[in-house]
Protein backbone atom coordinates (compact mmCIF):
# COMPACT_ATOMS: atom_id res chain seq x y z
CA MET A 1 -38.29 -78.56 -3.11
CA LEU A 2 -37.68 -82.08 -4.32
CA ASP A 3 -40.53 -84.04 -5.85
CA PRO A 4 -39.59 -87.59 -4.79
CA SER A 5 -41.82 -89.21 -7.41
CA THR A 6 -40.04 -87.49 -10.34
CA GLY A 7 -36.72 -86.40 -8.82
CA GLU A 8 -37.44 -82.87 -10.04
CA VAL A 9 -36.01 -79.97 -8.02
CA ILE A 10 -38.49 -77.10 -7.92
CA LYS A 11 -37.17 -73.65 -7.05
CA ARG A 12 -39.60 -71.11 -5.68
CA ARG A 13 -39.46 -68.06 -3.42
CA LEU A 14 -42.36 -67.77 -0.97
CA GLU A 15 -43.47 -64.60 0.81
CA HIS A 16 -44.83 -65.05 4.31
CA GLU A 17 -46.30 -61.57 4.87
CA ASN A 18 -49.08 -62.12 2.31
CA GLY A 19 -49.90 -65.70 3.40
CA GLU A 20 -48.28 -67.34 0.36
CA ALA A 21 -45.92 -69.49 2.46
CA LYS A 22 -48.71 -70.65 4.76
CA MET A 23 -50.88 -71.65 1.76
CA PHE A 24 -47.98 -73.50 0.14
CA TYR A 25 -47.22 -75.58 3.25
CA ALA A 26 -50.93 -76.23 3.83
CA THR A 27 -51.18 -77.86 0.40
CA LEU A 28 -48.13 -80.14 0.62
CA PRO A 29 -49.12 -83.78 0.18
CA SER A 30 -48.58 -86.07 3.17
CA PRO A 31 -46.13 -87.18 4.24
CA ALA A 32 -43.95 -84.13 3.72
CA ARG A 33 -40.63 -83.34 5.33
CA VAL A 34 -39.29 -79.80 5.60
CA GLU A 35 -35.67 -79.03 6.46
CA MET A 36 -34.18 -75.70 7.44
CA GLU A 37 -31.23 -74.11 9.20
CA ALA A 38 -31.68 -73.15 12.82
CA THR A 39 -32.42 -69.43 12.96
CA CYS A 40 -33.92 -67.00 15.44
CA ASP A 41 -36.60 -66.06 12.87
CA ALA A 42 -38.03 -69.59 12.77
CA PRO A 43 -40.82 -69.63 15.41
CA TRP A 44 -43.53 -68.34 13.03
CA PHE A 45 -42.46 -70.95 10.49
CA GLU A 46 -42.53 -73.77 13.03
CA ARG A 47 -46.08 -72.75 14.03
CA VAL A 48 -47.22 -72.83 10.39
CA LEU A 49 -45.74 -76.29 9.92
CA ARG A 50 -47.27 -77.67 13.12
CA GLU A 51 -50.71 -76.60 11.85
CA HIS A 52 -50.30 -78.79 8.78
CA HIS A 53 -48.22 -81.63 10.27
CA PRO A 54 -45.25 -81.98 7.93
CA GLU A 55 -42.12 -83.35 9.54
CA LEU A 56 -39.66 -80.56 10.40
CA TRP A 57 -35.92 -81.15 10.57
CA ILE A 58 -33.80 -78.29 11.90
CA GLY A 59 -30.10 -78.29 11.07
CA ASP A 60 -27.09 -76.84 12.81
CA ALA A 61 -26.41 -73.64 10.83
CA ALA A 62 -22.68 -73.62 11.60
CA GLU A 63 -22.22 -77.21 10.44
CA ILE A 64 -24.27 -76.60 7.31
CA ARG A 65 -22.13 -73.55 6.50
CA ALA A 66 -18.87 -75.39 7.24
CA ALA A 67 -19.82 -78.13 4.75
CA MET A 68 -20.11 -75.62 1.89
CA VAL A 69 -17.31 -75.72 -0.66
CA ARG A 70 -18.06 -72.26 -2.02
CA LYS A 71 -18.47 -69.81 0.85
CA GLN A 72 -20.44 -67.14 -1.04
CA LYS A 73 -23.83 -67.05 0.67
CA THR A 74 -27.06 -66.72 -1.30
CA ASP A 75 -30.48 -68.11 -0.39
CA PRO A 76 -30.87 -70.19 -3.59
CA ARG A 77 -27.36 -71.66 -3.22
CA ASP A 78 -27.97 -72.37 0.49
CA ALA A 79 -31.24 -74.16 -0.33
CA LEU A 80 -29.54 -76.40 -2.89
CA HIS A 81 -26.74 -77.10 -0.42
CA ILE A 82 -29.25 -78.17 2.25
CA LEU A 83 -31.00 -80.40 -0.31
CA ASP A 84 -27.65 -81.99 -1.21
CA LEU A 85 -26.89 -82.63 2.48
CA LEU A 86 -30.26 -84.35 2.83
CA LEU A 87 -29.88 -86.49 -0.27
CA THR A 88 -26.43 -87.65 0.85
CA ASN A 89 -27.59 -88.30 4.45
CA CYS A 90 -25.19 -85.62 5.76
CA PHE A 91 -27.76 -83.11 7.10
CA PRO A 92 -26.55 -82.04 10.59
CA ARG A 93 -29.90 -82.35 12.36
CA ILE A 94 -30.23 -80.84 15.84
């Protein structure tokens, strides 16, 4: 997560089974924008976001992956890569 007022990058892992993710997204200040790769597991996440009205950008997973310099895949590295694509206006939105 990027705090636009401070420029601070906040790293956090959220669990959705226990409601932690839903509570987190419910408390985001408006306006909030959430970006993610397109994935077949996303419908529950899209429903949560619609309930709380942040803007959702979905990116082309293949293009996001192709833009990575280091191909080793980890969730924290992928999240920072997506943030970098957003900050450089290169996020492949679909």
